[in-house]
All heavy atoms as atom14 arrays in JSON, in Angstrom:
{
  "sequence": "PTYFAGGYTLHTCKVCGASYTDSYTSKISVYQSSIYSIKGGKKKI",
  "atom14_mask": [
    [1, 1, 1, 1, 1, 1, 1, 0, 0, 0, 0, 0, 0, 0],
    [1, 1, 1, 1, 1, 1, 1, 0, 0, 0, 0, 0, 0, 0],
    [1, 1, 1, 1, 1, 1, 1, 1, 1, 1, 1, 1, 0, 0],
    [1, 1, 1, 1, 1, 1, 1, 1, 1, 1, 1, 0, 0, 0],
    [1, 1, 1, 1, 1, 0, 0, 0, 0, 0, 0, 0, 0, 0],
    [1, 1, 1, 1, 0, 0, 0, 0, 0, 0, 0, 0, 0, 0],
    [1, 1, 1, 1, 0, 0, 0, 0, 0, 0, 0, 0, 0, 0],
    [1, 1, 1, 1, 1, 1, 1, 1, 1, 1, 1, 1, 0, 0],
    [1, 1, 1, 1, 1, 1, 1, 0, 0, 0, 0, 0, 0, 0],
    [1, 1, 1, 1, 1, 1, 1, 1, 0, 0, 0, 0, 0, 0],
    [1, 1, 1, 1, 1, 1, 1, 1, 1, 1, 0, 0, 0, 0],
    [1, 1, 1, 1, 1, 1, 1, 0, 0, 0, 0, 0, 0, 0],
    [1, 1, 1, 1, 1, 1, 0, 0, 0, 0, 0, 0, 0, 0],
    [1, 1, 1, 1, 1, 1, 1, 1, 1, 0, 0, 0, 0, 0],
    [1, 1, 1, 1, 1, 1, 1, 0, 0, 0, 0, 0, 0, 0],
    [1, 1, 1, 1, 1, 1, 0, 0, 0, 0, 0, 0, 0, 0],
    [1, 1, 1, 1, 0, 0, 0, 0, 0, 0, 0, 0, 0, 0],
    [1, 1, 1, 1, 1, 0, 0, 0, 0, 0, 0, 0, 0, 0],
    [1, 1, 1, 1, 1, 1, 0, 0, 0, 0, 0, 0, 0, 0],
    [1, 1, 1, 1, 1, 1, 1, 1, 1, 1, 1, 1, 0, 0],
    [1, 1, 1, 1, 1, 1, 1, 0, 0, 0, 0, 0, 0, 0],
    [1, 1, 1, 1, 1, 1, 1, 1, 0, 0, 0, 0, 0, 0],
    [1, 1, 1, 1, 1, 1, 0, 0, 0, 0, 0, 0, 0, 0],
    [1, 1, 1, 1, 1, 1, 1, 1, 1, 1, 1, 1, 0, 0],
    [1, 1, 1, 1, 1, 1, 1, 0, 0, 0, 0, 0, 0, 0],
    [1, 1, 1, 1, 1, 1, 0, 0, 0, 0, 0, 0, 0, 0],
    [1, 1, 1, 1, 1, 1, 1, 1, 1, 0, 0, 0, 0, 0],
    [1, 1, 1, 1, 1, 1, 1, 1, 0, 0, 0, 0, 0, 0],
    [1, 1, 1, 1, 1, 1, 0, 0, 0, 0, 0, 0, 0, 0],
    [1, 1, 1, 1, 1, 1, 1, 0, 0, 0, 0, 0, 0, 0],
    [1, 1, 1, 1, 1, 1, 1, 1, 1, 1, 1, 1, 0, 0],
    [1, 1, 1, 1, 1, 1, 1, 1, 1, 0, 0, 0, 0, 0],
    [1, 1, 1, 1, 1, 1, 0, 0, 0, 0, 0, 0, 0, 0],
    [1, 1, 1, 1, 1, 1, 0, 0, 0, 0, 0, 0, 0, 0],
    [1, 1, 1, 1, 1, 1, 1, 1, 0, 0, 0, 0, 0, 0],
    [1, 1, 1, 1, 1, 1, 1, 1, 1, 1, 1, 1, 0, 0],
    [1, 1, 1, 1, 1, 1, 0, 0, 0, 0, 0, 0, 0, 0],
    [1, 1, 1, 1, 1, 1, 1, 1, 0, 0, 0, 0, 0, 0],
    [1, 1, 1, 1, 1, 1, 1, 1, 1, 0, 0, 0, 0, 0],
    [1, 1, 1, 1, 0, 0, 0, 0, 0, 0, 0, 0, 0, 0],
    [1, 1, 1, 1, 0, 0, 0, 0, 0, 0, 0, 0, 0, 0],
    [1, 1, 1, 1, 1, 1, 1, 1, 1, 0, 0, 0, 0, 0],
    [1, 1, 1, 1, 1, 1, 1, 1, 1, 0, 0, 0, 0, 0],
    [1, 1, 1, 1, 1, 1, 1, 1, 1, 0, 0, 0, 0, 0],
    [1, 1, 1, 1, 1, 1, 1, 1, 0, 0, 0, 0, 0, 0]
  ],
  "atom14_positions": [
    [[54.7, 3.13, -45.51], [53.64, 2.17, -45.81], [53.3, 1.32, -44.6], [54.12, 1.13, -43.7], [54.24, 1.34, -46.94], [55.72, 1.43, -46.72], [55.96, 2.8, -46.2], [0.0, 0.0, 0.0], [0.0, 0.0, 0.0], [0.0, 0.0, 0.0], [0.0, 0.0, 0.0], [0.0, 0.0, 0.0], [0.0, 0.0, 0.0], [0.0, 0.0, 0.0]],
    [[52.07, 0.81, -44.6], [51.61, -0.1, -43.56], [51.04, -1.34, -44.23], [51.04, -1.46, -45.46], [50.54, 0.57, -42.68], [49.36, 0.78, -43.48], [51.02, 1.91, -42.14], [0.0, 0.0, 0.0], [0.0, 0.0, 0.0], [0.0, 0.0, 0.0], [0.0, 0.0, 0.0], [0.0, 0.0, 0.0], [0.0, 0.0, 0.0], [0.0, 0.0, 0.0]],
    [[50.5, -2.25, -43.45], [49.85, -3.43, -44.0], [48.57, -3.06, -44.73], [48.05, -3.83, -45.53], [49.51, -4.43, -42.89], [50.72, -5.15, -42.35], [51.21, -4.85, -41.08], [51.35, -6.14, -43.09], [52.31, -5.53, -40.57], [52.46, -6.82, -42.59], [52.93, -6.5, -41.33], [54.02, -7.18, -40.83], [0.0, 0.0, 0.0], [0.0, 0.0, 0.0]],
    [[48.02, -1.83, -44.45], [46.72, -1.46, -44.99], [46.79, -0.39, -46.08], [45.83, -0.19, -46.81], [45.82, -0.95, -43.86], [45.71, -1.9, -42.7], [46.46, -1.71, -41.56], [44.9, -3.02, -42.79], [46.38, -2.59, -40.5], [44.81, -3.9, -41.73], [45.56, -3.7, -40.58], [0.0, 0.0, 0.0], [0.0, 0.0, 0.0], [0.0, 0.0, 0.0]],
    [[47.87, 0.33, -46.13], [47.98, 1.41, -47.12], [49.43, 1.59, -47.53], [50.36, 1.3, -46.76], [47.44, 2.71, -46.55], [0.0, 0.0, 0.0], [0.0, 0.0, 0.0], [0.0, 0.0, 0.0], [0.0, 0.0, 0.0], [0.0, 0.0, 0.0], [0.0, 0.0, 0.0], [0.0, 0.0, 0.0], [0.0, 0.0, 0.0], [0.0, 0.0, 0.0]],
    [[49.6, 2.1, -48.74], [50.93, 2.35, -49.24], [51.52, 3.62, -48.67], [50.83, 4.43, -48.05], [0.0, 0.0, 0.0], [0.0, 0.0, 0.0], [0.0, 0.0, 0.0], [0.0, 0.0, 0.0], [0.0, 0.0, 0.0], [0.0, 0.0, 0.0], [0.0, 0.0, 0.0], [0.0, 0.0, 0.0], [0.0, 0.0, 0.0], [0.0, 0.0, 0.0]],
    [[52.8, 3.82, -48.88], [53.46, 5.02, -48.39], [53.6, 6.06, -49.48], [53.35, 5.8, -50.67], [0.0, 0.0, 0.0], [0.0, 0.0, 0.0], [0.0, 0.0, 0.0], [0.0, 0.0, 0.0], [0.0, 0.0, 0.0], [0.0, 0.0, 0.0], [0.0, 0.0, 0.0], [0.0, 0.0, 0.0], [0.0, 0.0, 0.0], [0.0, 0.0, 0.0]],
    [[53.99, 7.28, -49.06], [54.18, 8.37, -50.02], [54.92, 9.51, -49.31], [55.13, 9.47, -48.08], [52.84, 8.87, -50.56], [51.87, 9.28, -49.46], [51.83, 10.59, -48.98], [50.98, 8.35, -48.92], [50.95, 10.97, -47.98], [50.11, 8.71, -47.92], [50.09, 10.01, -47.45], [49.22, 10.37, -46.45], [0.0, 0.0, 0.0], [0.0, 0.0, 0.0]],
    [[55.28, 10.53, -50.08], [55.9, 11.73, -49.52], [54.94, 12.9, -49.7], [54.44, 13.14, -50.8], [57.24, 12.04, -50.2], [58.13, 10.94, -50.02], [57.87, 13.3, -49.61], [0.0, 0.0, 0.0], [0.0, 0.0, 0.0], [0.0, 0.0, 0.0], [0.0, 0.0, 0.0], [0.0, 0.0, 0.0], [0.0, 0.0, 0.0], [0.0, 0.0, 0.0]],
    [[54.66, 13.59, -48.59], [53.74, 14.74, -48.6], [54.55, 16.03, -48.6], [55.4, 16.25, -47.73], [52.83, 14.7, -47.37], [51.91, 15.89, -47.15], [50.87, 15.97, -48.27], [51.22, 15.81, -45.79], [0.0, 0.0, 0.0], [0.0, 0.0, 0.0], [0.0, 0.0, 0.0], [0.0, 0.0, 0.0], [0.0, 0.0, 0.0], [0.0, 0.0, 0.0]],
    [[54.3, 16.88, -49.58], [54.95, 18.18, -49.7], [53.91, 19.27, -49.39], [52.86, 19.32, -50.04], [55.53, 18.38, -51.1], [56.47, 17.29, -51.52], [57.79, 17.26, -51.18], [56.23, 16.16, -52.27], [58.35, 16.18, -51.68], [57.44, 15.49, -52.35], [0.0, 0.0, 0.0], [0.0, 0.0, 0.0], [0.0, 0.0, 0.0], [0.0, 0.0, 0.0]],
    [[54.21, 20.15, -48.4], [53.27, 21.18, -47.96], [53.93, 22.54, -48.0], [55.06, 22.71, -47.5], [52.77, 20.9, -46.53], [52.2, 19.59, -46.48], [51.71, 21.92, -46.12], [0.0, 0.0, 0.0], [0.0, 0.0, 0.0], [0.0, 0.0, 0.0], [0.0, 0.0, 0.0], [0.0, 0.0, 0.0], [0.0, 0.0, 0.0], [0.0, 0.0, 0.0]],
    [[53.22, 23.51, -48.56], [53.73, 24.89, -48.59], [53.57, 25.51, -47.2], [52.48, 25.54, -46.64], [52.98, 25.71, -49.63], [53.52, 27.44, -49.69], [0.0, 0.0, 0.0], [0.0, 0.0, 0.0], [0.0, 0.0, 0.0], [0.0, 0.0, 0.0], [0.0, 0.0, 0.0], [0.0, 0.0, 0.0], [0.0, 0.0, 0.0], [0.0, 0.0, 0.0]],
    [[54.67, 26.02, -46.66], [54.63, 26.64, -45.35], [53.87, 27.95, -45.34], [53.44, 28.42, -44.29], [56.06, 26.9, -44.86], [56.9, 25.65, -44.68], [58.31, 26.02, -44.24], [59.2, 24.79, -44.1], [60.58, 25.15, -43.69], [0.0, 0.0, 0.0], [0.0, 0.0, 0.0], [0.0, 0.0, 0.0], [0.0, 0.0, 0.0], [0.0, 0.0, 0.0]],
    [[53.69, 28.56, -46.48], [53.06, 29.88, -46.56], [51.55, 29.78, -46.68], [50.79, 30.31, -45.89], [53.65, 30.69, -47.73], [52.98, 32.07, -47.8], [55.15, 30.84, -47.57], [0.0, 0.0, 0.0], [0.0, 0.0, 0.0], [0.0, 0.0, 0.0], [0.0, 0.0, 0.0], [0.0, 0.0, 0.0], [0.0, 0.0, 0.0], [0.0, 0.0, 0.0]],
    [[51.09, 29.04, -47.72], [49.65, 29.0, -47.99], [49.0, 27.68, -47.61], [47.77, 27.56, -47.65], [49.36, 29.31, -49.46], [49.93, 28.0, -50.58], [0.0, 0.0, 0.0], [0.0, 0.0, 0.0], [0.0, 0.0, 0.0], [0.0, 0.0, 0.0], [0.0, 0.0, 0.0], [0.0, 0.0, 0.0], [0.0, 0.0, 0.0], [0.0, 0.0, 0.0]],
    [[49.8, 26.66, -47.32], [49.24, 25.39, -46.92], [48.92, 24.44, -48.06], [48.45, 23.32, -47.83], [0.0, 0.0, 0.0], [0.0, 0.0, 0.0], [0.0, 0.0, 0.0], [0.0, 0.0, 0.0], [0.0, 0.0, 0.0], [0.0, 0.0, 0.0], [0.0, 0.0, 0.0], [0.0, 0.0, 0.0], [0.0, 0.0, 0.0], [0.0, 0.0, 0.0]],
    [[49.14, 24.85, -49.31], [48.88, 23.96, -50.44], [49.82, 22.75, -50.36], [50.96, 22.86, -49.92], [49.1, 24.7, -51.75], [0.0, 0.0, 0.0], [0.0, 0.0, 0.0], [0.0, 0.0, 0.0], [0.0, 0.0, 0.0], [0.0, 0.0, 0.0], [0.0, 0.0, 0.0], [0.0, 0.0, 0.0], [0.0, 0.0, 0.0], [0.0, 0.0, 0.0]],
    [[49.32, 21.57, -50.8], [50.13, 20.35, -50.66], [49.92, 19.42, -51.85], [48.92, 19.52, -52.58], [49.76, 19.63, -49.36], [48.41, 19.21, -49.39], [0.0, 0.0, 0.0], [0.0, 0.0, 0.0], [0.0, 0.0, 0.0], [0.0, 0.0, 0.0], [0.0, 0.0, 0.0], [0.0, 0.0, 0.0], [0.0, 0.0, 0.0], [0.0, 0.0, 0.0]],
    [[50.88, 18.51, -52.06], [50.76, 17.45, -53.06], [51.61, 16.26, -52.59], [52.45, 16.39, -51.68], [51.22, 17.94, -54.44], [52.7, 18.24, -54.53], [53.61, 17.28, -55.0], [53.2, 19.48, -54.15], [54.97, 17.56, -55.08], [54.55, 19.77, -54.22], [55.43, 18.81, -54.69], [56.76, 19.07, -54.77], [0.0, 0.0, 0.0], [0.0, 0.0, 0.0]],
    [[51.39, 15.08, -53.2], [52.1, 13.87, -52.8], [52.78, 13.24, -54.01], [52.35, 13.39, -55.15], [51.12, 12.85, -52.17], [50.08, 12.56, -53.11], [50.51, 13.4, -50.9], [0.0, 0.0, 0.0], [0.0, 0.0, 0.0], [0.0, 0.0, 0.0], [0.0, 0.0, 0.0], [0.0, 0.0, 0.0], [0.0, 0.0, 0.0], [0.0, 0.0, 0.0]],
    [[53.87, 12.51, -53.72], [54.56, 11.73, -54.75], [55.36, 10.63, -54.05], [55.18, 10.39, -52.84], [55.44, 12.63, -55.62], [56.56, 13.31, -54.84], [56.74, 13.0, -53.65], [57.25, 14.17, -55.42], [0.0, 0.0, 0.0], [0.0, 0.0, 0.0], [0.0, 0.0, 0.0], [0.0, 0.0, 0.0], [0.0, 0.0, 0.0], [0.0, 0.0, 0.0]],
    [[56.24, 9.96, -54.83], [57.11, 8.9, -54.28], [56.28, 7.82, -53.58], [56.52, 7.47, -52.41], [58.15, 9.49, -53.32], [58.93, 10.47, -53.95], [0.0, 0.0, 0.0], [0.0, 0.0, 0.0], [0.0, 0.0, 0.0], [0.0, 0.0, 0.0], [0.0, 0.0, 0.0], [0.0, 0.0, 0.0], [0.0, 0.0, 0.0], [0.0, 0.0, 0.0]],
    [[55.32, 7.26, -54.3], [54.43, 6.26, -53.72], [55.14, 4.92, -53.57], [55.96, 4.51, -54.4], [53.19, 6.08, -54.59], [52.35, 7.33, -54.67], [52.47, 8.2, -55.76], [51.46, 7.65, -53.66], [51.71, 9.35, -55.84], [50.7, 8.8, -53.74], [50.83, 9.65, -54.82], [50.07, 10.79, -54.89], [0.0, 0.0, 0.0], [0.0, 0.0, 0.0]],
    [[54.83, 4.21, -52.5], [55.33, 2.86, -52.26], [54.16, 1.95, -51.92], [53.13, 2.41, -51.4], [56.36, 2.83, -51.12], [55.76, 3.38, -49.94], [57.58, 3.64, -51.48], [0.0, 0.0, 0.0], [0.0, 0.0, 0.0], [0.0, 0.0, 0.0], [0.0, 0.0, 0.0], [0.0, 0.0, 0.0], [0.0, 0.0, 0.0], [0.0, 0.0, 0.0]],
    [[54.3, 0.68, -52.24], [53.22, -0.28, -52.0], [53.08, -0.56, -50.5], [54.03, -0.41, -49.72], [53.49, -1.59, -52.74], [53.6, -1.36, -54.13], [0.0, 0.0, 0.0], [0.0, 0.0, 0.0], [0.0, 0.0, 0.0], [0.0, 0.0, 0.0], [0.0, 0.0, 0.0], [0.0, 0.0, 0.0], [0.0, 0.0, 0.0], [0.0, 0.0, 0.0]],
    [[51.89, -1.02, -50.13], [51.68, -1.4, -48.74], [52.49, -2.65, -48.43], [52.88, -3.41, -49.32], [50.2, -1.61, -48.46], [49.58, -2.8, -49.16], [48.11, -2.91, -48.8], [47.45, -4.12, -49.5], [46.02, -4.24, -49.15], [0.0, 0.0, 0.0], [0.0, 0.0, 0.0], [0.0, 0.0, 0.0], [0.0, 0.0, 0.0], [0.0, 0.0, 0.0]],
    [[52.72, -2.9, -47.16], [53.53, -4.03, -46.72], [52.74, -5.33, -46.9], [51.57, -5.41, -46.52], [53.94, -3.86, -45.25], [54.72, -2.56, -45.08], [54.75, -5.05, -44.78], [55.02, -2.22, -43.65], [0.0, 0.0, 0.0], [0.0, 0.0, 0.0], [0.0, 0.0, 0.0], [0.0, 0.0, 0.0], [0.0, 0.0, 0.0], [0.0, 0.0, 0.0]],
    [[53.38, -6.33, -47.51], [52.72, -7.62, -47.74], [52.89, -8.51, -46.53], [53.95, -8.54, -45.89], [53.31, -8.32, -48.96], [53.1, -7.54, -50.13], [0.0, 0.0, 0.0], [0.0, 0.0, 0.0], [0.0, 0.0, 0.0], [0.0, 0.0, 0.0], [0.0, 0.0, 0.0], [0.0, 0.0, 0.0], [0.0, 0.0, 0.0], [0.0, 0.0, 0.0]],
    [[51.82, -9.25, -46.22], [51.87, -10.25, -45.15], [52.48, -11.53, -45.74], [52.11, -11.97, -46.84], [50.46, -10.53, -44.6], [50.52, -11.59, -43.51], [49.83, -9.23, -44.09], [0.0, 0.0, 0.0], [0.0, 0.0, 0.0], [0.0, 0.0, 0.0], [0.0, 0.0, 0.0], [0.0, 0.0, 0.0], [0.0, 0.0, 0.0], [0.0, 0.0, 0.0]],
    [[53.44, -12.1, -45.03], [54.07, -13.33, -45.52], [53.03, -14.42, -45.7], [52.17, -14.64, -44.83], [55.15, -13.8, -44.54], [56.37, -12.92, -44.53], [56.74, -12.21, -43.4], [57.16, -12.84, -45.68], [57.87, -11.41, -43.41], [58.3, -12.04, -45.7], [58.63, -11.31, -44.55], [59.74, -10.52, -44.56], [0.0, 0.0, 0.0], [0.0, 0.0, 0.0]],
    [[53.11, -15.11, -46.85], [52.11, -16.1, -47.2], [52.39, -17.44, -46.52], [53.53, -17.88, -46.43], [52.07, -16.29, -48.72], [50.93, -17.14, -49.22], [50.97, -17.29, -50.73], [51.95, -17.82, -51.27], [49.95, -16.81, -51.39], [0.0, 0.0, 0.0], [0.0, 0.0, 0.0], [0.0, 0.0, 0.0], [0.0, 0.0, 0.0], [0.0, 0.0, 0.0]],
    [[51.32, -18.09, -46.07], [51.4, -19.46, -45.54], [51.12, -20.44, -46.67], [50.55, -20.09, -47.71], [50.4, -19.67, -44.41], [50.71, -18.85, -43.31], [0.0, 0.0, 0.0], [0.0, 0.0, 0.0], [0.0, 0.0, 0.0], [0.0, 0.0, 0.0], [0.0, 0.0, 0.0], [0.0, 0.0, 0.0], [0.0, 0.0, 0.0], [0.0, 0.0, 0.0]],
    [[51.48, -21.67, -46.44], [51.2, -22.73, -47.41], [50.87, -24.02, -46.68], [51.13, -24.15, -45.47], [52.4, -22.94, -48.35], [53.53, -23.34, -47.59], [0.0, 0.0, 0.0], [0.0, 0.0, 0.0], [0.0, 0.0, 0.0], [0.0, 0.0, 0.0], [0.0, 0.0, 0.0], [0.0, 0.0, 0.0], [0.0, 0.0, 0.0], [0.0, 0.0, 0.0]],
    [[50.26, -24.96, -47.42], [49.9, -26.26, -46.84], [51.04, -27.23, -47.12], [51.34, -27.56, -48.27], [48.58, -26.77, -47.45], [47.45, -25.75, -47.2], [48.22, -28.13, -46.87], [46.16, -26.08, -47.93], [0.0, 0.0, 0.0], [0.0, 0.0, 0.0], [0.0, 0.0, 0.0], [0.0, 0.0, 0.0], [0.0, 0.0, 0.0], [0.0, 0.0, 0.0]],
    [[51.72, -27.68, -46.04], [52.8, -28.66, -46.2], [52.24, -30.02, -46.61], [52.71, -30.66, -47.55], [53.58, -28.82, -44.89], [54.62, -27.75, -44.66], [54.91, -27.29, -43.38], [55.33, -27.2, -45.72], [55.86, -26.32, -43.17], [56.28, -26.24, -45.51], [56.55, -25.8, -44.24], [57.49, -24.84, -44.02], [0.0, 0.0, 0.0], [0.0, 0.0, 0.0]],
    [[51.21, -30.4, -45.86], [50.63, -31.73, -46.15], [49.16, -31.72, -45.81], [48.71, -30.93, -44.98], [51.35, -32.82, -45.34], [51.11, -32.64, -43.94], [0.0, 0.0, 0.0], [0.0, 0.0, 0.0], [0.0, 0.0, 0.0], [0.0, 0.0, 0.0], [0.0, 0.0, 0.0], [0.0, 0.0, 0.0], [0.0, 0.0, 0.0], [0.0, 0.0, 0.0]],
    [[48.41, -32.6, -46.48], [46.98, -32.72, -46.24], [46.64, -34.21, -46.29], [47.09, -34.94, -47.19], [46.17, -31.91, -47.26], [44.67, -31.99, -46.95], [46.47, -32.32, -48.68], [43.84, -31.0, -47.76], [0.0, 0.0, 0.0], [0.0, 0.0, 0.0], [0.0, 0.0, 0.0], [0.0, 0.0, 0.0], [0.0, 0.0, 0.0], [0.0, 0.0, 0.0]],
    [[45.86, -34.66, -45.34], [45.54, -36.1, -45.27], [44.09, -36.27, -44.88], [43.6, -35.62, -43.94], [46.45, -36.78, -44.25], [46.26, -38.29, -44.17], [47.24, -38.89, -43.18], [47.06, -40.41, -43.11], [48.0, -41.05, -42.13], [0.0, 0.0, 0.0], [0.0, 0.0, 0.0], [0.0, 0.0, 0.0], [0.0, 0.0, 0.0], [0.0, 0.0, 0.0]],
    [[43.38, -37.1, -45.63], [41.98, -37.34, -45.34], [41.8, -38.49, -44.37], [42.46, -39.52, -44.48], [0.0, 0.0, 0.0], [0.0, 0.0, 0.0], [0.0, 0.0, 0.0], [0.0, 0.0, 0.0], [0.0, 0.0, 0.0], [0.0, 0.0, 0.0], [0.0, 0.0, 0.0], [0.0, 0.0, 0.0], [0.0, 0.0, 0.0], [0.0, 0.0, 0.0]],
    [[40.91, -38.33, -43.44], [40.58, -39.35, -42.48], [39.09, -39.62, -42.49], [38.36, -39.2, -43.41], [0.0, 0.0, 0.0], [0.0, 0.0, 0.0], [0.0, 0.0, 0.0], [0.0, 0.0, 0.0], [0.0, 0.0, 0.0], [0.0, 0.0, 0.0], [0.0, 0.0, 0.0], [0.0, 0.0, 0.0], [0.0, 0.0, 0.0], [0.0, 0.0, 0.0]],
    [[38.6, -40.3, -41.48], [37.19, -40.63, -41.39], [36.44, -39.36, -41.02], [36.48, -38.9, -39.88], [36.96, -41.73, -40.35], [35.52, -42.24, -40.33], [35.37, -43.38, -39.34], [33.94, -43.9, -39.34], [33.76, -45.03, -38.39], [0.0, 0.0, 0.0], [0.0, 0.0, 0.0], [0.0, 0.0, 0.0], [0.0, 0.0, 0.0], [0.0, 0.0, 0.0]],
    [[35.75, -38.8, -42.03], [34.98, -37.56, -41.86], [35.84, -36.41, -41.33], [35.36, -35.54, -40.59], [33.77, -37.77, -40.96], [32.73, -38.71, -41.51], [31.5, -38.75, -40.61], [30.41, -39.68, -41.18], [29.21, -39.7, -40.32], [0.0, 0.0, 0.0], [0.0, 0.0, 0.0], [0.0, 0.0, 0.0], [0.0, 0.0, 0.0], [0.0, 0.0, 0.0]],
    [[37.12, -36.42, -41.69], [37.98, -35.33, -41.22], [39.17, -35.18, -42.14], [39.47, -36.05, -42.96], [38.44, -35.57, -39.8], [39.27, -36.83, -39.62], [39.62, -37.04, -38.16], [40.44, -38.32, -37.97], [40.78, -38.54, -36.54], [0.0, 0.0, 0.0], [0.0, 0.0, 0.0], [0.0, 0.0, 0.0], [0.0, 0.0, 0.0], [0.0, 0.0, 0.0]],
    [[39.84, -34.02, -41.98], [41.03, -33.7, -42.75], [42.1, -33.24, -41.76], [41.84, -32.39, -40.89], [40.77, -32.59, -43.77], [39.72, -33.04, -44.8], [42.06, -32.18, -44.46], [39.28, -31.92, -45.72], [0.0, 0.0, 0.0], [0.0, 0.0, 0.0], [0.0, 0.0, 0.0], [0.0, 0.0, 0.0], [0.0, 0.0, 0.0], [0.0, 0.0, 0.0]]
  ]
}
């Protein structure tokens, strides 16, 4: 898996080339940020 797509296992026939996929995994999540503090000022934050 990557940040943009999930992972999987690709099975391919060596003789005829037919293939299928299984064992799917979710894509990698980006760690979430959060707001520690917020303070209003004169026309600003």
